[in-house]
PDB file of all heavy atoms in Angstrom:
ATOM      1  N   SER A   1     104.701  68.475  35.303  1.00  0.00           N
ATOM      2  CA  SER A   1     104.193  67.669  36.420  1.00  0.00           C
ATOM      3  C   SER A   1     105.337  67.008  37.178  1.00  0.00           C
ATOM      4  O   SER A   1     105.342  66.968  38.413  1.00  0.00           O
ATOM      5  CB  SER A   1     103.228  66.612  35.902  1.00  0.00           C
ATOM      6  OG  SER A   1     102.823  65.744  36.944  1.00  0.00           O
ATOM      7  N   LYS A   2     106.328  66.509  36.455  1.00  0.00           N
ATOM      8  CA  LYS A   2     107.452  65.833  37.101  1.00  0.00           C
ATOM      9  C   LYS A   2     108.262  66.797  37.955  1.00  0.00           C
ATOM     10  O   LYS A   2     108.718  66.449  39.048  1.00  0.00           O
ATOM     11  CB  LYS A   2     108.349  65.184  36.044  1.00  0.00           C
ATOM     12  CG  LYS A   2     107.691  64.006  35.326  1.00  0.00           C
ATOM     13  CD  LYS A   2     108.615  63.424  34.266  1.00  0.00           C
ATOM     14  CE  LYS A   2     107.956  62.263  33.544  1.00  0.00           C
ATOM     15  NZ  LYS A   2     108.823  61.694  32.484  1.00  0.00           N
ATOM     16  N   VAL A   3     108.461  68.023  37.455  1.00  0.00           N
ATOM     17  CA  VAL A   3     109.195  69.026  38.233  1.00  0.00           C
ATOM     18  C   VAL A   3     108.432  69.387  39.501  1.00  0.00           C
ATOM     19  O   VAL A   3     108.995  69.454  40.602  1.00  0.00           O
ATOM     20  CB  VAL A   3     109.442  70.292  37.381  1.00  0.00           C
ATOM     21  CG1 VAL A   3     110.039  71.402  38.244  1.00  0.00           C
ATOM     22  CG2 VAL A   3     110.378  69.973  36.221  1.00  0.00           C
ATOM     23  N   LEU A   4     107.121  69.586  39.368  1.00  0.00           N
ATOM     24  CA  LEU A   4     106.296  69.926  40.523  1.00  0.00           C
ATOM     25  C   LEU A   4     106.284  68.783  41.535  1.00  0.00           C
ATOM     26  O   LEU A   4     106.374  69.013  42.749  1.00  0.00           O
ATOM     27  CB  LEU A   4     104.873  70.239  40.061  1.00  0.00           C
ATOM     28  CG  LEU A   4     103.877  70.657  41.160  1.00  0.00           C
ATOM     29  CD1 LEU A   4     104.383  71.879  41.908  1.00  0.00           C
ATOM     30  CD2 LEU A   4     102.504  70.917  40.550  1.00  0.00           C
ATOM     31  N   GLU A   5     106.180  67.544  41.043  1.00  0.00           N
ATOM     32  CA  GLU A   5     106.191  66.383  41.933  1.00  0.00           C
ATOM     33  C   GLU A   5     107.492  66.316  42.729  1.00  0.00           C
ATOM     34  O   GLU A   5     107.488  65.980  43.916  1.00  0.00           O
ATOM     35  CB  GLU A   5     106.026  65.097  41.123  1.00  0.00           C
ATOM     36  CG  GLU A   5     104.616  64.853  40.632  1.00  0.00           C
ATOM     37  CD  GLU A   5     104.517  63.549  39.872  1.00  0.00           C
ATOM     38  OE1 GLU A   5     105.407  62.697  40.052  1.00  0.00           O
ATOM     39  OE2 GLU A   5     103.561  63.385  39.108  1.00  0.00           O
ATOM     40  N   LYS A   6     108.597  66.603  42.092  1.00  0.00           N
ATOM     41  CA  LYS A   6     109.888  66.551  42.777  1.00  0.00           C
ATOM     42  C   LYS A   6     109.956  67.564  43.905  1.00  0.00           C
ATOM     43  O   LYS A   6     110.475  67.271  44.994  1.00  0.00           O
ATOM     44  CB  LYS A   6     111.027  66.794  41.781  1.00  0.00           C
ATOM     45  CG  LYS A   6     112.414  66.562  42.377  1.00  0.00           C
ATOM     46  CD  LYS A   6     113.490  66.602  41.313  1.00  0.00           C
ATOM     47  CE  LYS A   6     114.856  66.291  41.927  1.00  0.00           C
ATOM     48  NZ  LYS A   6     115.928  66.308  40.904  1.00  0.00           N
ATOM     49  N   ILE A   7     109.416  68.757  43.676  1.00  0.00           N
ATOM     50  CA  ILE A   7     109.405  69.792  44.712  1.00  0.00           C
ATOM     51  C   ILE A   7     108.550  69.338  45.898  1.00  0.00           C
ATOM     52  O   ILE A   7     108.964  69.448  47.060  1.00  0.00           O
ATOM     53  CB  ILE A   7     108.870  71.121  44.136  1.00  0.00           C
ATOM     54  CG1 ILE A   7     109.828  71.657  43.072  1.00  0.00           C
ATOM     55  CG2 ILE A   7     108.681  72.151  45.241  1.00  0.00           C
ATOM     56  CD1 ILE A   7     109.288  72.841  42.303  1.00  0.00           C
ATOM     57  N   VAL A   8     107.360  68.813  45.605  1.00  0.00           N
ATOM     58  CA  VAL A   8     106.465  68.351  46.665  1.00  0.00           C
ATOM     59  C   VAL A   8     107.069  67.156  47.401  1.00  0.00           C
ATOM     60  O   VAL A   8     106.960  67.041  48.628  1.00  0.00           O
ATOM     61  CB  VAL A   8     105.082  67.986  46.081  1.00  0.00           C
ATOM     62  CG1 VAL A   8     104.181  67.399  47.168  1.00  0.00           C
ATOM     63  CG2 VAL A   8     104.434  69.207  45.462  1.00  0.00           C
ATOM     64  N   ALA A   9     107.718  66.271  46.662  1.00  0.00           N
ATOM     65  CA  ALA A   9     108.343  65.099  47.284  1.00  0.00           C
ATOM     66  C   ALA A   9     109.420  65.512  48.277  1.00  0.00           C
ATOM     67  O   ALA A   9     109.544  64.914  49.357  1.00  0.00           O
ATOM     68  CB  ALA A   9     108.934  64.189  46.205  1.00  0.00           C
ATOM     69  N   GLU A  10     110.202  66.520  47.937  1.00  0.00           N
ATOM     70  CA  GLU A  10     111.234  67.003  48.859  1.00  0.00           C
ATOM     71  C   GLU A  10     110.612  67.553  50.138  1.00  0.00           C
ATOM     72  O   GLU A  10     111.122  67.330  51.237  1.00  0.00           O
ATOM     73  CB  GLU A  10     112.084  68.068  48.168  1.00  0.00           C
ATOM     74  CG  GLU A  10     113.001  67.517  47.075  1.00  0.00           C
ATOM     75  CD  GLU A  10     113.815  68.593  46.388  1.00  0.00           C
ATOM     76  OE1 GLU A  10     113.612  69.792  46.723  1.00  0.00           O
ATOM     77  OE2 GLU A  10     114.641  68.253  45.523  1.00  0.00           O
ATOM     78  N   LYS A  11     109.495  68.268  50.002  1.00  0.00           N
ATOM     79  CA  LYS A  11     108.800  68.807  51.175  1.00  0.00           C
ATOM     80  C   LYS A  11     108.223  67.684  52.028  1.00  0.00           C
ATOM     81  O   LYS A  11     108.302  67.715  53.262  1.00  0.00           O
ATOM     82  CB  LYS A  11     107.684  69.759  50.732  1.00  0.00           C
ATOM     83  CG  LYS A  11     108.166  71.002  49.990  1.00  0.00           C
ATOM     84  CD  LYS A  11     108.991  71.906  50.894  1.00  0.00           C
ATOM     85  CE  LYS A  11     109.402  73.178  50.171  1.00  0.00           C
ATOM     86  NZ  LYS A  11     110.239  74.056  51.028  1.00  0.00           N
ATOM     87  N   LEU A  12     107.651  66.685  51.367  1.00  0.00           N
ATOM     88  CA  LEU A  12     107.069  65.560  52.099  1.00  0.00           C
ATOM     89  C   LEU A  12     108.147  64.754  52.803  1.00  0.00           C
ATOM     90  O   LEU A  12     107.969  64.327  53.954  1.00  0.00           O
ATOM     91  CB  LEU A  12     106.277  64.672  51.137  1.00  0.00           C
ATOM     92  CG  LEU A  12     105.456  63.534  51.754  1.00  0.00           C
ATOM     93  CD1 LEU A  12     104.439  64.075  52.744  1.00  0.00           C
ATOM     94  CD2 LEU A  12     104.759  62.722  50.656  1.00  0.00           C
ATOM     95  N   LEU A  13     109.286  64.564  52.112  1.00  0.00           N
ATOM     96  CA  LEU A  13     110.398  63.846  52.732  1.00  0.00           C
ATOM     97  C   LEU A  13     110.975  64.595  53.925  1.00  0.00           C
ATOM     98  O   LEU A  13     111.500  63.992  54.855  1.00  0.00           O
ATOM     99  CB  LEU A  13     111.508  63.599  51.695  1.00  0.00           C
ATOM    100  CG  LEU A  13     111.450  62.277  50.937  1.00  0.00           C
ATOM    101  CD1 LEU A  13     112.551  62.221  49.895  1.00  0.00           C
ATOM    102  CD2 LEU A  13     111.564  61.104  51.895  1.00  0.00           C
ATOM    103  N   ALA A  14     110.896  65.905  53.897  1.00  0.00           N
ATOM    104  CA  ALA A  14     111.366  66.697  55.035  1.00  0.00           C
ATOM    105  C   ALA A  14     110.382  66.601  56.201  1.00  0.00           C
ATOM    106  O   ALA A  14     110.779  66.558  57.373  1.00  0.00           O
ATOM    107  CB  ALA A  14     111.543  68.158  54.626  1.00  0.00           C
ATOM    108  N   HIS A  15     109.098  66.532  55.892  1.00  0.00           N
ATOM    109  CA  HIS A  15     108.062  66.502  56.933  1.00  0.00           C
ATOM    110  C   HIS A  15     108.015  65.163  57.674  1.00  0.00           C
ATOM    111  O   HIS A  15     107.948  65.133  58.910  1.00  0.00           O
ATOM    112  CB  HIS A  15     106.693  66.785  56.300  1.00  0.00           C
ATOM    113  CG  HIS A  15     105.537  66.529  57.202  1.00  0.00           C
ATOM    114  ND1 HIS A  15     105.210  67.354  58.260  1.00  0.00           N
ATOM    115  CD2 HIS A  15     104.614  65.507  57.214  1.00  0.00           C
ATOM    116  CE1 HIS A  15     104.142  66.875  58.887  1.00  0.00           C
ATOM    117  NE2 HIS A  15     103.760  65.760  58.271  1.00  0.00           N
ATOM    118  N   LEU A  16     108.054  64.064  56.945  1.00  0.00           N
ATOM    119  CA  LEU A  16     107.828  62.747  57.552  1.00  0.00           C
ATOM    120  C   LEU A  16     108.921  62.342  58.544  1.00  0.00           C
ATOM    121  O   LEU A  16     108.617  62.033  59.705  1.00  0.00           O
ATOM    122  CB  LEU A  16     107.661  61.694  56.455  1.00  0.00           C
ATOM    123  CG  LEU A  16     106.443  61.884  55.540  1.00  0.00           C
ATOM    124  CD1 LEU A  16     106.443  60.839  54.422  1.00  0.00           C
ATOM    125  CD2 LEU A  16     105.147  61.793  56.333  1.00  0.00           C
ATOM    126  N   PRO A  17     110.207  62.342  58.160  1.00  0.00           N
ATOM    127  CA  PRO A  17     111.239  61.944  59.131  1.00  0.00           C
ATOM    128  C   PRO A  17     111.411  62.954  60.269  1.00  0.00           C
ATOM    129  O   PRO A  17     111.665  62.569  61.412  1.00  0.00           O
ATOM    130  CB  PRO A  17     112.520  61.852  58.284  1.00  0.00           C
ATOM    131  CG  PRO A  17     112.053  61.810  56.871  1.00  0.00           C
ATOM    132  CD  PRO A  17     110.770  62.578  56.838  1.00  0.00           C
ATOM    133  N   THR A  18     111.272  64.245  59.961  1.00  0.00           N
ATOM    134  CA  THR A  18     111.446  65.276  60.987  1.00  0.00           C
ATOM    135  C   THR A  18     110.466  65.076  62.136  1.00  0.00           C
ATOM    136  O   THR A  18     110.797  65.281  63.306  1.00  0.00           O
ATOM    137  CB  THR A  18     111.262  66.684  60.379  1.00  0.00           C
ATOM    138  OG1 THR A  18     112.232  66.873  59.356  1.00  0.00           O
ATOM    139  CG2 THR A  18     111.430  67.756  61.444  1.00  0.00           C
ATOM    140  N   ASN A  19     109.265  64.652  61.818  1.00  0.00           N
ATOM    141  CA  ASN A  19     108.228  64.441  62.829  1.00  0.00           C
ATOM    142  C   ASN A  19     108.116  62.978  63.262  1.00  0.00           C
ATOM    143  O   ASN A  19     107.143  62.606  63.923  1.00  0.00           O
ATOM    144  CB  ASN A  19     106.890  64.934  62.296  1.00  0.00           C
ATOM    145  CG  ASN A  19     106.872  66.437  62.084  1.00  0.00           C
ATOM    146  OD1 ASN A  19     106.742  67.208  63.033  1.00  0.00           O
ATOM    147  ND2 ASN A  19     107.025  66.870  60.838  1.00  0.00           N
ATOM    148  N   ASP A  20     109.117  62.179  62.880  1.00  0.00           N
ATOM    149  CA  ASP A  20     109.191  60.774  63.277  1.00  0.00           C
ATOM    150  C   ASP A  20     107.893  60.019  62.925  1.00  0.00           C
ATOM    151  O   ASP A  20     107.337  59.295  63.750  1.00  0.00           O
ATOM    152  CB  ASP A  20     109.480  60.667  64.781  1.00  0.00           C
ATOM    153  CG  ASP A  20     109.965  59.279  65.176  1.00  0.00           C
ATOM    154  OD1 ASP A  20     110.522  58.576  64.323  1.00  0.00           O
ATOM    155  OD2 ASP A  20     109.768  58.894  66.348  1.00  0.00           O
ATOM    156  N   LEU A  21     107.434  60.195  61.701  1.00  0.00           N
ATOM    157  CA  LEU A  21     106.165  59.613  61.274  1.00  0.00           C
ATOM    158  C   LEU A  21     106.326  58.300  60.518  1.00  0.00           C
ATOM    159  O   LEU A  21     105.353  57.569  60.352  1.00  0.00           O
ATOM    160  CB  LEU A  21     105.409  60.616  60.395  1.00  0.00           C
ATOM    161  CG  LEU A  21     104.974  61.911  61.097  1.00  0.00           C
ATOM    162  CD1 LEU A  21     104.446  62.911  60.078  1.00  0.00           C
ATOM    163  CD2 LEU A  21     103.921  61.623  62.156  1.00  0.00           C
ATOM    164  N   LEU A  22     107.521  58.008  60.045  1.00  0.00           N
ATOM    165  CA  LEU A  22     107.743  56.794  59.261  1.00  0.00           C
ATOM    166  C   LEU A  22     108.210  55.651  60.143  1.00  0.00           C
ATOM    167  O   LEU A  22     108.997  55.835  61.079  1.00  0.00           O
ATOM    168  CB  LEU A  22     108.777  57.055  58.163  1.00  0.00           C
ATOM    169  CG  LEU A  22     108.330  57.948  57.005  1.00  0.00           C
ATOM    170  CD1 LEU A  22     109.500  58.237  56.083  1.00  0.00           C
ATOM    171  CD2 LEU A  22     107.189  57.308  56.227  1.00  0.00           C
ATOM    172  N   TYR A  23     107.724  54.461  59.834  1.00  0.00           N
ATOM    173  CA  TYR A  23     108.125  53.257  60.559  1.00  0.00           C
ATOM    174  C   TYR A  23     109.634  53.067  60.445  1.00  0.00           C
ATOM    175  O   TYR A  23     110.208  53.171  59.361  1.00  0.00           O
ATOM    176  CB  TYR A  23     107.384  52.059  59.971  1.00  0.00           C
ATOM    177  CG  TYR A  23     107.697  50.741  60.629  1.00  0.00           C
ATOM    178  CD1 TYR A  23     107.678  50.599  62.009  1.00  0.00           C
ATOM    179  CD2 TYR A  23     108.011  49.617  59.863  1.00  0.00           C
ATOM    180  CE1 TYR A  23     107.955  49.380  62.613  1.00  0.00           C
ATOM    181  CE2 TYR A  23     108.275  48.396  60.446  1.00  0.00           C
ATOM    182  CZ  TYR A  23     108.253  48.289  61.825  1.00  0.00           C
ATOM    183  OH  TYR A  23     108.536  47.083  62.415  1.00  0.00           O
ATOM    184  N   ASN A  24     110.271  52.797  61.578  1.00  0.00           N
ATOM    185  CA  ASN A  24     111.739  52.729  61.621  1.00  0.00           C
ATOM    186  C   ASN A  24     112.317  51.660  60.712  1.00  0.00           C
ATOM    187  O   ASN A  24     113.453  51.795  60.241  1.00  0.00           O
ATOM    188  CB  ASN A  24     112.210  52.474  63.061  1.00  0.00           C
ATOM    189  CG  ASN A  24     112.045  53.686  63.943  1.00  0.00           C
ATOM    190  OD1 ASN A  24     112.038  54.812  63.458  1.00  0.00           O
ATOM    191  ND2 ASN A  24     111.894  53.474  65.247  1.00  0.00           N
ATOM    192  N   PHE A  25     111.573  50.588  60.476  1.00  0.00           N
ATOM    193  CA  PHE A  25     112.115  49.471  59.701  1.00  0.00           C
ATOM    194  C   PHE A  25     111.494  49.399  58.305  1.00  0.00           C
ATOM    195  O   PHE A  25     111.345  48.330  57.728  1.00  0.00           O
ATOM    196  CB  PHE A  25     111.920  48.160  60.469  1.00  0.00           C
ATOM    197  CG  PHE A  25     112.559  48.189  61.833  1.00  0.00           C
ATOM    198  CD1 PHE A  25     111.779  48.285  62.974  1.00  0.00           C
ATOM    199  CD2 PHE A  25     113.936  48.183  61.961  1.00  0.00           C
ATOM    200  CE1 PHE A  25     112.355  48.338  64.227  1.00  0.00           C
ATOM    201  CE2 PHE A  25     114.533  48.246  63.211  1.00  0.00           C
ATOM    202  CZ  PHE A  25     113.744  48.320  64.350  1.00  0.00           C
ATOM    203  N   GLN A  26     111.141  50.567  57.766  1.00  0.00           N
ATOM    204  CA  GLN A  26     110.760  50.721  56.364  1.00  0.00           C
ATOM    205  C   GLN A  26     111.936  51.398  55.663  1.00  0.00           C
ATOM    206  O   GLN A  26     112.311  52.518  56.010  1.00  0.00           O
ATOM    207  CB  GLN A  26     109.505  51.575  56.237  1.00  0.00           C
ATOM    208  CG  GLN A  26     109.186  52.056  54.824  1.00  0.00           C
ATOM    209  CD  GLN A  26     108.828  50.929  53.869  1.00  0.00           C
ATOM    210  OE1 GLN A  26     109.689  50.422  53.150  1.00  0.00           O
ATOM    211  NE2 GLN A  26     107.556  50.529  53.878  1.00  0.00           N
ATOM    212  N   VAL A  27     112.525  50.726  54.695  1.00  0.00           N
ATOM    213  CA  VAL A  27     113.725  51.278  54.046  1.00  0.00           C
ATOM    214  C   VAL A  27     113.512  51.603  52.573  1.00  0.00           C
ATOM    215  O   VAL A  27     114.402  52.152  51.922  1.00  0.00           O
ATOM    216  CB  VAL A  27     114.933  50.316  54.185  1.00  0.00           C
ATOM    217  CG1 VAL A  27     115.243  50.041  55.644  1.00  0.00           C
ATOM    218  CG2 VAL A  27     114.697  49.015  53.437  1.00  0.00           C
ATOM    219  N   GLY A  28     112.352  51.289  52.037  1.00  0.00           N
ATOM    220  CA  GLY A  28     112.129  51.511  50.616  1.00  0.00           C
ATOM    221  C   GLY A  28     112.015  52.969  50.239  1.00  0.00           C
ATOM    222  O   GLY A  28     111.302  53.729  50.896  1.00  0.00           O
ATOM    223  N   PHE A  29     112.743  53.384  49.205  1.00  0.00           N
ATOM    224  CA  PHE A  29     112.627  54.713  48.593  1.00  0.00           C
ATOM    225  C   PHE A  29     112.924  55.856  49.566  1.00  0.00           C
ATOM    226  O   PHE A  29     112.392  56.958  49.408  1.00  0.00           O
ATOM    227  CB  PHE A  29     111.226  54.912  47.995  1.00  0.00           C
ATOM    228  CG  PHE A  29     110.795  53.791  47.111  1.00  0.00           C
ATOM    229  CD1 PHE A  29     109.737  52.966  47.472  1.00  0.00           C
ATOM    230  CD2 PHE A  29     111.441  53.546  45.906  1.00  0.00           C
ATOM    231  CE1 PHE A  29     109.327  51.924  46.647  1.00  0.00           C
ATOM    232  CE2 PHE A  29     111.043  52.504  45.081  1.00  0.00           C
ATOM    233  CZ  PHE A  29     109.987  51.695  45.452  1.00  0.00           C
ATOM    234  N   LEU A  30     113.753  55.605  50.563  1.00  0.00           N
ATOM    235  CA  LEU A  30     114.074  56.640  51.543  1.00  0.00           C
ATOM    236  C   LEU A  30     115.577  56.877  51.578  1.00  0.00           C
ATOM    237  O   LEU A  30     116.360  55.921  51.491  1.00  0.00           O
ATOM    238  CB  LEU A  30     113.588  56.229  52.939  1.00  0.00           C
ATOM    239  CG  LEU A  30     112.072  56.139  53.124  1.00  0.00           C
ATOM    240  CD1 LEU A  30     111.732  55.525  54.470  1.00  0.00           C
ATOM    241  CD2 LEU A  30     111.430  57.514  52.988  1.00  0.00           C
ATOM    242  N   PRO A  31     115.997  58.135  51.714  1.00  0.00           N
ATOM    243  CA  PRO A  31     117.440  58.424  51.765  1.00  0.00           C
ATOM    244  C   PRO A  31     118.080  57.866  53.034  1.00  0.00           C
ATOM    245  O   PRO A  31     117.450  57.823  54.096  1.00  0.00           O
ATOM    246  CB  PRO A  31     117.488  59.966  51.741  1.00  0.00           C
ATOM    247  CG  PRO A  31     116.159  60.391  52.266  1.00  0.00           C
ATOM    248  CD  PRO A  31     115.173  59.356  51.799  1.00  0.00           C
ATOM    249  N   ASN A  32     119.316  57.417  52.901  1.00  0.00           N
ATOM    250  CA  ASN A  32     120.104  56.928  54.032  1.00  0.00           C
ATOM    251  C   ASN A  32     119.514  55.671  54.680  1.00  0.00           C
ATOM    252  O   ASN A  32     119.825  55.360  55.832  1.00  0.00           O
ATOM    253  CB  ASN A  32     120.267  58.016  55.095  1.00  0.00           C
ATOM    254  CG  ASN A  32     120.914  59.274  54.545  1.00  0.00           C
ATOM    255  OD1 ASN A  32     121.865  59.212  53.774  1.00  0.00           O
ATOM    256  ND2 ASN A  32     120.378  60.431  54.920  1.00  0.00           N
ATOM    257  N   ARG A  33     118.660  54.960  53.947  1.00  0.00           N
ATOM    258  CA  ARG A  33     118.155  53.677  54.434  1.00  0.00           C
ATOM    259  C   ARG A  33     118.394  52.642  53.339  1.00  0.00           C
ATOM    260  O   ARG A  33     118.128  52.898  52.168  1.00  0.00           O
ATOM    261  CB  ARG A  33     116.664  53.748  54.770  1.00  0.00           C
ATOM    262  CG  ARG A  33     116.344  54.698  55.922  1.00  0.00           C
ATOM    263  CD  ARG A  33     114.950  54.464  56.441  1.00  0.00           C
ATOM    264  NE  ARG A  33     114.560  55.446  57.434  1.00  0.00           N
ATOM    265  CZ  ARG A  33     113.432  55.411  58.140  1.00  0.00           C
ATOM    266  NH1 ARG A  33     112.578  54.416  57.958  1.00  0.00           N
ATOM    267  NH2 ARG A  33     113.149  56.348  59.017  1.00  0.00           N
ATOM    268  N   THR A  34     118.892  51.476  53.734  1.00  0.00           N
ATOM    269  CA  THR A  34     119.251  50.455  52.756  1.00  0.00           C
ATOM    270  C   THR A  34     118.702  49.096  53.174  1.00  0.00           C
ATOM    271  O   THR A  34     118.355  48.880  54.343  1.00  0.00           O
ATOM    272  CB  THR A  34     120.786  50.337  52.621  1.00  0.00           C
ATOM    273  OG1 THR A  34     121.332  49.838  53.866  1.00  0.00           O
ATOM    274  CG2 THR A  34     121.405  51.698  52.310  1.00  0.00           C
ATOM    275  N   THR A  35     118.655  48.185  52.213  1.00  0.00           N
ATOM    276  CA  THR A  35     118.194  46.829  52.511  1.00  0.00           C
ATOM    277  C   THR A  35     119.141  46.124  53.475  1.00  0.00           C
ATOM    278  O   THR A  35     118.722  45.245  54.224  1.00  0.00           O
ATOM    279  CB  THR A  35     118.089  46.007  51.212  1.00  0.00           C
ATOM    280  OG1 THR A  35     119.329  46.099  50.485  1.00  0.00           O
ATOM    281  CG2 THR A  35     116.985  46.530  50.329  1.00  0.00           C
ATOM    282  N   GLU A  36     120.417  46.518  53.468  1.00  0.00           N
ATOM    283  CA  GLU A  36     121.374  45.912  54.391  1.00  0.00           C
ATOM    284  C   GLU A  36     120.969  46.153  55.847  1.00  0.00           C
ATOM    285  O   GLU A  36     121.141  45.283  56.704  1.00  0.00           O
ATOM    286  CB  GLU A  36     122.790  46.453  54.160  1.00  0.00           C
ATOM    287  CG  GLU A  36     123.470  45.938  52.907  1.00  0.00           C
ATOM    288  CD  GLU A  36     123.085  46.733  51.670  1.00  0.00           C
ATOM    289  OE1 GLU A  36     122.208  47.637  51.781  1.00  0.00           O
ATOM    290  OE2 GLU A  36     123.649  46.459  50.593  1.00  0.00           O
ATOM    291  N   GLN A  37     120.409  47.330  56.113  1.00  0.00           N
ATOM    292  CA  GLN A  37     119.979  47.640  57.479  1.00  0.00           C
ATOM    293  C   GLN A  37     118.891  46.678  57.935  1.00  0.00           C
ATOM    294  O   GLN A  37     118.904  46.198  59.072  1.00  0.00           O
ATOM    295  CB  GLN A  37     119.475  49.082  57.545  1.00  0.00           C
ATOM    296  CG  GLN A  37     120.583  50.117  57.365  1.00  0.00           C
ATOM    297  CD  GLN A  37     120.030  51.517  57.202  1.00  0.00           C
ATOM    298  OE1 GLN A  37     119.073  51.742  56.469  1.00  0.00           O
ATOM    299  NE2 GLN A  37     120.634  52.478  57.891  1.00  0.00           N
ATOM    300  N   ASN A  38     117.936  46.396  57.048  1.00  0.00           N
ATOM    301  CA  ASN A  38     116.882  45.463  57.414  1.00  0.00           C
ATOM    302  C   ASN A  38     117.396  44.028  57.523  1.00  0.00           C
ATOM    303  O   ASN A  38     116.947  43.265  58.381  1.00  0.00           O
ATOM    304  CB  ASN A  38     115.742  45.529  56.391  1.00  0.00           C
ATOM    305  CG  ASN A  38     114.680  46.544  56.799  1.00  0.00           C
ATOM    306  OD1 ASN A  38     114.808  47.203  57.826  1.00  0.00           O
ATOM    307  ND2 ASN A  38     113.641  46.669  56.013  1.00  0.00           N
ATOM    308  N   LEU A  39     118.329  43.664  56.666  1.00  0.00           N
ATOM    309  CA  LEU A  39     118.905  42.320  56.762  1.00  0.00           C
ATOM    310  C   LEU A  39     119.613  42.122  58.093  1.00  0.00           C
ATOM    311  O   LEU A  39     119.530  41.050  58.712  1.00  0.00           O
ATOM    312  CB  LEU A  39     119.886  42.087  55.604  1.00  0.00           C
ATOM    313  CG  LEU A  39     119.258  41.864  54.224  1.00  0.00           C
ATOM    314  CD1 LEU A  39     120.336  41.838  53.150  1.00  0.00           C
ATOM    315  CD2 LEU A  39     118.454  40.576  54.204  1.00  0.00           C
ATOM    316  N   ILE A  40     120.292  43.150  58.559  1.00  0.00           N
ATOM    317  CA  ILE A  40     120.957  43.076  59.862  1.00  0.00           C
ATOM    318  C   ILE A  40     119.922  42.890  60.973  1.00  0.00           C
ATOM    319  O   ILE A  40     120.116  42.085  61.896  1.00  0.00           O
ATOM    320  CB  ILE A  40     121.807  44.344  60.105  1.00  0.00           C
ATOM    321  CG1 ILE A  40     123.009  44.360  59.160  1.00  0.00           C
ATOM    322  CG2 ILE A  40     122.278  44.417  61.558  1.00  0.00           C
ATOM    323  CD1 ILE A  40     123.786  45.666  59.176  1.00  0.00           C
ATOM    324  N   GLN A  41     118.810  43.620  60.887  1.00  0.00           N
ATOM    325  CA  GLN A  41     117.748  43.484  61.896  1.00  0.00           C
ATOM    326  C   GLN A  41     117.168  42.072  61.892  1.00  0.00           C
ATOM    327  O   GLN A  41     116.926  41.489  62.954  1.00  0.00           O
ATOM    328  CB  GLN A  41     116.640  44.506  61.619  1.00  0.00           C
ATOM    329  CG  GLN A  41     117.056  45.958  61.781  1.00  0.00           C
ATOM    330  CD  GLN A  41     117.410  46.316  63.206  1.00  0.00           C
ATOM    331  OE1 GLN A  41     116.906  45.717  64.163  1.00  0.00           O
ATOM    332  NE2 GLN A  41     118.299  47.280  63.361  1.00  0.00           N
ATOM    333  N   ILE A  42     116.968  41.509  60.701  1.00  0.00           N
ATOM    334  CA  ILE A  42     116.420  40.160  60.603  1.00  0.00           C
ATOM    335  C   ILE A  42     117.386  39.138  61.190  1.00  0.00           C
ATOM    336  O   ILE A  42     116.995  38.264  61.983  1.00  0.00           O
ATOM    337  CB  ILE A  42     116.111  39.824  59.130  1.00  0.00           C
ATOM    338  CG1 ILE A  42     114.934  40.668  58.637  1.00  0.00           C
ATOM    339  CG2 ILE A  42     115.805  38.334  58.958  1.00  0.00           C
ATOM    340  CD1 ILE A  42     114.671  40.540  57.143  1.00  0.00           C
TER     341      ILE A  42
END
């Protein structure tokens, strides 16, 4: 199950940012996004 989840997660991660579906100021659990970015915005 964990191996299958990882494969699906990679596909989902490719779909969401590519189609600009994720909120720009959500940084949790996403590659290349950090809490420092949100602190700068605040």
